[in-house]
Amino acid sequence: MRRFSDYMVEAGLLGTRKLNLGVNDIAPVMAELREMFPVAGVREMKSLLFHEQQMKVTRYIMVYF
């Protein structure tokens, strides 16, 4: 019997920790998004990263921007 997480990995739907994106990985993308959305907060930027760039990032990483 397989676990749900096994199916998620097969489909390429990795979680935030498995993607392991750091500040240097998202810096260019954040610069572009900041130009388009200069007054967006942390939660909105996190959502934009996910919906626009398919990047899951922790709020902890977002604090650096």
PDB file of N, CA and C in Angstrom:
ATOM      1  N   MET A   1       0.842  -1.180   0.000  1.00  0.00           N
ATOM      2  CA  MET A   1       0.000   0.000   0.000  1.00  0.00           C
ATOM      3  C   MET A   1       0.891   1.249   0.000  1.00  0.00           C
ATOM      4  N   ARG A   2       0.561   2.197  -0.862  1.00  0.00           N
ATOM      5  CA  ARG A   2       1.377   3.400  -1.000  1.00  0.00           C
ATOM      6  C   ARG A   2       0.780   4.547  -0.211  1.00  0.00           C
ATOM      7  N   ARG A   3       1.636   5.461   0.183  1.00  0.00           N
ATOM      8  CA  ARG A   3       1.186   6.627   0.923  1.00  0.00           C
ATOM      9  C   ARG A   3       0.851   7.756  -0.049  1.00  0.00           C
ATOM     10  N   PHE A   4       0.059   8.691   0.432  1.00  0.00           N
ATOM     11  CA  PHE A   4      -0.327   9.849  -0.362  1.00  0.00           C
ATOM     12  C   PHE A   4       0.900  10.654  -0.774  1.00  0.00           C
ATOM     13  N   SER A   5       1.871  10.759   0.125  1.00  0.00           N
ATOM     14  CA  SER A   5       3.070  11.537  -0.184  1.00  0.00           C
ATOM     15  C   SER A   5       3.851  10.929  -1.348  1.00  0.00           C
ATOM     16  N   ASP A   6       3.801   9.616  -1.512  1.00  0.00           N
ATOM     17  CA  ASP A   6       4.464   8.974  -2.652  1.00  0.00           C
ATOM     18  C   ASP A   6       3.846   9.419  -3.963  1.00  0.00           C
ATOM     19  N   TYR A   7       2.533   9.530  -3.996  1.00  0.00           N
ATOM     20  CA  TYR A   7       1.845   9.999  -5.195  1.00  0.00           C
ATOM     21  C   TYR A   7       2.179  11.456  -5.482  1.00  0.00           C
ATOM     22  N   MET A   8       2.303  12.264  -4.450  1.00  0.00           N
ATOM     23  CA  MET A   8       2.630  13.676  -4.620  1.00  0.00           C
ATOM     24  C   MET A   8       4.030  13.844  -5.224  1.00  0.00           C
ATOM     25  N   VAL A   9       4.978  13.047  -4.756  1.00  0.00           N
ATOM     26  CA  VAL A   9       6.340  13.117  -5.280  1.00  0.00           C
ATOM     27  C   VAL A   9       6.368  12.689  -6.737  1.00  0.00           C
ATOM     28  N   GLU A  10       5.639  11.639  -7.082  1.00  0.00           N
ATOM     29  CA  GLU A  10       5.566  11.177  -8.477  1.00  0.00           C
ATOM     30  C   GLU A  10       4.995  12.246  -9.392  1.00  0.00           C
ATOM     31  N   ALA A  11       4.014  12.985  -8.902  1.00  0.00           N
ATOM     32  CA  ALA A  11       3.379  14.028  -9.707  1.00  0.00           C
ATOM     33  C   ALA A  11       4.219  15.298  -9.766  1.00  0.00           C
ATOM     34  N   GLY A  12       5.303  15.345  -9.003  1.00  0.00           N
ATOM     35  CA  GLY A  12       6.152  16.524  -9.011  1.00  0.00           C
ATOM     36  C   GLY A  12       5.652  17.634  -8.111  1.00  0.00           C
ATOM     37  N   LEU A  13       4.738  17.315  -7.212  1.00  0.00           N
ATOM     38  CA  LEU A  13       4.181  18.304  -6.301  1.00  0.00           C
ATOM     39  C   LEU A  13       4.924  18.227  -4.969  1.00  0.00           C
ATOM     40  N   LEU A  14       6.054  18.876  -4.918  1.00  0.00           N
ATOM     41  CA  LEU A  14       6.881  18.825  -3.724  1.00  0.00           C
ATOM     42  C   LEU A  14       6.482  19.927  -2.758  1.00  0.00           C
ATOM     43  N   GLY A  15       6.706  19.682  -1.492  1.00  0.00           N
ATOM     44  CA  GLY A  15       6.399  20.666  -0.470  1.00  0.00           C
ATOM     45  C   GLY A  15       7.502  21.703  -0.343  1.00  0.00           C
ATOM     46  N   THR A  16       7.276  22.634   0.528  1.00  0.00           N
ATOM     47  CA  THR A  16       8.204  23.735   0.727  1.00  0.00           C
ATOM     48  C   THR A  16       9.573  23.246   1.181  1.00  0.00           C
ATOM     49  N   ARG A  17       9.604  22.336   2.102  1.00  0.00           N
ATOM     50  CA  ARG A  17      10.882  21.849   2.622  1.00  0.00           C
ATOM     51  C   ARG A  17      11.637  21.006   1.602  1.00  0.00           C
ATOM     52  N   LYS A  18      10.930  20.245   0.809  1.00  0.00           N
ATOM     53  CA  LYS A  18      11.591  19.413  -0.196  1.00  0.00           C
ATOM     54  C   LYS A  18      12.175  20.270  -1.320  1.00  0.00           C
ATOM     55  N   LEU A  19      11.513  21.376  -1.663  1.00  0.00           N
ATOM     56  CA  LEU A  19      12.053  22.261  -2.694  1.00  0.00           C
ATOM     57  C   LEU A  19      13.315  22.947  -2.214  1.00  0.00           C
ATOM     58  N   ASN A  20      13.367  23.274  -0.928  1.00  0.00           N
ATOM     59  CA  ASN A  20      14.548  23.842  -0.297  1.00  0.00           C
ATOM     60  C   ASN A  20      15.057  25.081  -1.028  1.00  0.00           C
ATOM     61  N   LEU A  21      14.154  25.993  -1.357  1.00  0.00           N
ATOM     62  CA  LEU A  21      14.544  27.238  -2.006  1.00  0.00           C
ATOM     63  C   LEU A  21      15.064  28.217  -0.966  1.00  0.00           C
ATOM     64  N   GLY A  22      16.143  28.873  -1.289  1.00  0.00           N
ATOM     65  CA  GLY A  22      16.725  29.847  -0.378  1.00  0.00           C
ATOM     66  C   GLY A  22      16.562  31.258  -0.905  1.00  0.00           C
ATOM     67  N   VAL A  23      17.126  32.192  -0.185  1.00  0.00           N
ATOM     68  CA  VAL A  23      17.027  33.608  -0.548  1.00  0.00           C
ATOM     69  C   VAL A  23      17.656  33.848  -1.920  1.00  0.00           C
ATOM     70  N   ASN A  24      18.808  33.256  -2.177  1.00  0.00           N
ATOM     71  CA  ASN A  24      19.487  33.457  -3.463  1.00  0.00           C
ATOM     72  C   ASN A  24      18.712  32.866  -4.628  1.00  0.00           C
ATOM     73  N   ASP A  25      17.922  31.839  -4.382  1.00  0.00           N
ATOM     74  CA  ASP A  25      17.153  31.195  -5.439  1.00  0.00           C
ATOM     75  C   ASP A  25      15.973  32.041  -5.896  1.00  0.00           C
ATOM     76  N   ILE A  26      15.389  32.792  -4.981  1.00  0.00           N
ATOM     77  CA  ILE A  26      14.184  33.536  -5.342  1.00  0.00           C
ATOM     78  C   ILE A  26      14.424  35.027  -5.534  1.00  0.00           C
ATOM     79  N   ALA A  27      15.638  35.491  -5.329  1.00  0.00           N
ATOM     80  CA  ALA A  27      15.932  36.926  -5.422  1.00  0.00           C
ATOM     81  C   ALA A  27      15.573  37.540  -6.776  1.00  0.00           C
ATOM     82  N   PRO A  28      15.945  36.943  -7.916  1.00  0.00           N
ATOM     83  CA  PRO A  28      15.580  37.568  -9.200  1.00  0.00           C
ATOM     84  C   PRO A  28      14.067  37.628  -9.425  1.00  0.00           C
ATOM     85  N   VAL A  29      13.386  36.582  -9.024  1.00  0.00           N
ATOM     86  CA  VAL A  29      11.933  36.534  -9.186  1.00  0.00           C
ATOM     87  C   VAL A  29      11.263  37.568  -8.281  1.00  0.00           C
ATOM     88  N   MET A  30      11.780  37.695  -7.063  1.00  0.00           N
ATOM     89  CA  MET A  30      11.221  38.675  -6.129  1.00  0.00           C
ATOM     90  C   MET A  30      11.404  40.092  -6.636  1.00  0.00           C
ATOM     91  N   ALA A  31      12.526  40.363  -7.291  1.00  0.00           N
ATOM     92  CA  ALA A  31      12.765  41.702  -7.842  1.00  0.00           C
ATOM     93  C   ALA A  31      11.721  42.037  -8.903  1.00  0.00           C
ATOM     94  N   GLU A  32      11.413  41.076  -9.758  1.00  0.00           N
ATOM     95  CA  GLU A  32      10.389  41.290 -10.792  1.00  0.00           C
ATOM     96  C   GLU A  32       9.011  41.513 -10.167  1.00  0.00           C
ATOM     97  N   LEU A  33       8.671  40.678  -9.192  1.00  0.00           N
ATOM     98  CA  LEU A  33       7.360  40.806  -8.552  1.00  0.00           C
ATOM     99  C   LEU A  33       7.247  42.111  -7.772  1.00  0.00           C
ATOM    100  N   ARG A  34       8.336  42.568  -7.169  1.00  0.00           N
ATOM    101  CA  ARG A  34       8.314  43.831  -6.422  1.00  0.00           C
ATOM    102  C   ARG A  34       8.055  45.018  -7.345  1.00  0.00           C
ATOM    103  N   GLU A  35       8.555  44.932  -8.591  1.00  0.00           N
ATOM    104  CA  GLU A  35       8.291  46.000  -9.554  1.00  0.00           C
ATOM    105  C   GLU A  35       6.813  46.057  -9.917  1.00  0.00           C
ATOM    106  N   MET A  36       6.194  44.894 -10.059  1.00  0.00           N
ATOM    107  CA  MET A  36       4.782  44.844 -10.431  1.00  0.00           C
ATOM    108  C   MET A  36       3.862  45.115  -9.246  1.00  0.00           C
ATOM    109  N   PHE A  37       4.256  44.667  -8.065  1.00  0.00           N
ATOM    110  CA  PHE A  37       3.427  44.798  -6.866  1.00  0.00           C
ATOM    111  C   PHE A  37       4.255  45.410  -5.729  1.00  0.00           C
ATOM    112  N   PRO A  38       4.498  46.726  -5.760  1.00  0.00           N
ATOM    113  CA  PRO A  38       5.411  47.340  -4.786  1.00  0.00           C
ATOM    114  C   PRO A  38       4.895  47.374  -3.347  1.00  0.00           C
ATOM    115  N   VAL A  39       3.598  47.335  -3.140  1.00  0.00           N
ATOM    116  CA  VAL A  39       3.065  47.447  -1.781  1.00  0.00           C
ATOM    117  C   VAL A  39       2.537  46.125  -1.232  1.00  0.00           C
ATOM    118  N   ALA A  40       2.826  45.010  -1.915  1.00  0.00           N
ATOM    119  CA  ALA A  40       2.350  43.700  -1.472  1.00  0.00           C
ATOM    120  C   ALA A  40       3.063  43.279  -0.201  1.00  0.00           C
ATOM    121  N   GLY A  41       2.322  42.668   0.699  1.00  0.00           N
ATOM    122  CA  GLY A  41       2.884  42.178   1.950  1.00  0.00           C
ATOM    123  C   GLY A  41       3.469  40.781   1.788  1.00  0.00           C
ATOM    124  N   VAL A  42       3.904  40.220   2.888  1.00  0.00           N
ATOM    125  CA  VAL A  42       4.560  38.914   2.872  1.00  0.00           C
ATOM    126  C   VAL A  42       3.612  37.836   2.385  1.00  0.00           C
ATOM    127  N   ARG A  43       2.420  37.817   2.903  1.00  0.00           N
ATOM    128  CA  ARG A  43       1.468  36.764   2.508  1.00  0.00           C
ATOM    129  C   ARG A  43       1.090  36.874   1.039  1.00  0.00           C
ATOM    130  N   GLU A  44       0.886  38.088   0.575  1.00  0.00           N
ATOM    131  CA  GLU A  44       0.517  38.268  -0.824  1.00  0.00           C
ATOM    132  C   GLU A  44       1.681  37.898  -1.742  1.00  0.00           C
ATOM    133  N   MET A  45       2.899  38.258  -1.359  1.00  0.00           N
ATOM    134  CA  MET A  45       4.060  37.905  -2.171  1.00  0.00           C
ATOM    135  C   MET A  45       4.262  36.392  -2.200  1.00  0.00           C
ATOM    136  N   LYS A  46       4.011  35.750  -1.081  1.00  0.00           N
ATOM    137  CA  LYS A  46       4.118  34.298  -1.029  1.00  0.00           C
ATOM    138  C   LYS A  46       3.099  33.665  -1.978  1.00  0.00           C
ATOM    139  N   SER A  47       1.899  34.201  -1.972  1.00  0.00           N
ATOM    140  CA  SER A  47       0.858  33.704  -2.862  1.00  0.00           C
ATOM    141  C   SER A  47       1.209  33.973  -4.329  1.00  0.00           C
ATOM    142  N   LEU A  48       1.743  35.144  -4.608  1.00  0.00           N
ATOM    143  CA  LEU A  48       2.140  35.476  -5.979  1.00  0.00           C
ATOM    144  C   LEU A  48       3.253  34.556  -6.470  1.00  0.00           C
ATOM    145  N   LEU A  49       4.208  34.270  -5.617  1.00  0.00           N
ATOM    146  CA  LEU A  49       5.271  33.343  -6.002  1.00  0.00           C
ATOM    147  C   LEU A  49       4.710  31.979  -6.368  1.00  0.00           C
ATOM    148  N   PHE A  50       3.738  31.536  -5.594  1.00  0.00           N
ATOM    149  CA  PHE A  50       3.157  30.225  -5.868  1.00  0.00           C
ATOM    150  C   PHE A  50       2.343  30.230  -7.156  1.00  0.00           C
ATOM    151  N   HIS A  51       1.488  31.227  -7.333  1.00  0.00           N
ATOM    152  CA  HIS A  51       0.581  31.234  -8.482  1.00  0.00           C
ATOM    153  C   HIS A  51       1.249  31.699  -9.771  1.00  0.00           C
ATOM    154  N   GLU A  52       2.199  32.596  -9.684  1.00  0.00           N
ATOM    155  CA  GLU A  52       2.857  33.113 -10.887  1.00  0.00           C
ATOM    156  C   GLU A  52       4.058  32.260 -11.302  1.00  0.00           C
ATOM    157  N   GLN A  53       4.834  31.786 -10.326  1.00  0.00           N
ATOM    158  CA  GLN A  53       6.089  31.094 -10.622  1.00  0.00           C
ATOM    159  C   GLN A  53       6.118  29.636 -10.174  1.00  0.00           C
ATOM    160  N   GLN A  54       5.058  29.141  -9.562  1.00  0.00           N
ATOM    161  CA  GLN A  54       4.973  27.774  -9.047  1.00  0.00           C
ATOM    162  C   GLN A  54       6.114  27.473  -8.069  1.00  0.00           C
ATOM    163  N   MET A  55       6.416  28.446  -7.208  1.00  0.00           N
ATOM    164  CA  MET A  55       7.458  28.286  -6.200  1.00  0.00           C
ATOM    165  C   MET A  55       6.815  28.335  -4.822  1.00  0.00           C
ATOM    166  N   LYS A  56       7.038  27.312  -4.028  1.00  0.00           N
ATOM    167  CA  LYS A  56       6.566  27.312  -2.650  1.00  0.00           C
ATOM    168  C   LYS A  56       7.707  27.771  -1.766  1.00  0.00           C
ATOM    169  N   VAL A  57       7.471  28.843  -1.027  1.00  0.00           N
ATOM    170  CA  VAL A  57       8.510  29.433  -0.189  1.00  0.00           C
ATOM    171  C   VAL A  57       7.936  29.641   1.203  1.00  0.00           C
ATOM    172  N   THR A  58       8.745  29.418   2.214  1.00  0.00           N
ATOM    173  CA  THR A  58       8.285  29.640   3.578  1.00  0.00           C
ATOM    174  C   THR A  58       8.226  31.133   3.872  1.00  0.00           C
ATOM    175  N   ARG A  59       7.390  31.503   4.821  1.00  0.00           N
ATOM    176  CA  ARG A  59       7.314  32.908   5.219  1.00  0.00           C
ATOM    177  C   ARG A  59       8.613  33.355   5.851  1.00  0.00           C
ATOM    178  N   TYR A  60       9.330  32.443   6.450  1.00  0.00           N
ATOM    179  CA  TYR A  60      10.616  32.751   7.063  1.00  0.00           C
ATOM    180  C   TYR A  60      11.591  33.308   6.020  1.00  0.00           C
ATOM    181  N   ILE A  61      11.632  32.722   4.840  1.00  0.00           N
ATOM    182  CA  ILE A  61      12.495  33.194   3.757  1.00  0.00           C
ATOM    183  C   ILE A  61      11.994  34.536   3.235  1.00  0.00           C
ATOM    184  N   MET A  62      10.686  34.716   3.210  1.00  0.00           N
ATOM    185  CA  MET A  62      10.106  35.950   2.672  1.00  0.00           C
ATOM    186  C   MET A  62      10.452  37.165   3.529  1.00  0.00           C
ATOM    187  N   VAL A  63      10.750  36.988   4.795  1.00  0.00           N
ATOM    188  CA  VAL A  63      11.045  38.095   5.682  1.00  0.00           C
ATOM    189  C   VAL A  63      12.298  38.845   5.237  1.00  0.00           C
ATOM    190  N   TYR A  64      13.199  38.176   4.533  1.00  0.00           N
ATOM    191  CA  TYR A  64      14.442  38.808   4.094  1.00  0.00           C
ATOM    192  C   TYR A  64      14.241  39.824   2.975  1.00  0.00           C
ATOM    193  N   PHE A  65      13.046  39.889   2.411  1.00  0.00           N
ATOM    194  CA  PHE A  65      12.803  40.838   1.318  1.00  0.00           C
ATOM    195  C   PHE A  65      11.982  41.960   1.788  1.00  0.00           C
TER     196      PHE A  65
END
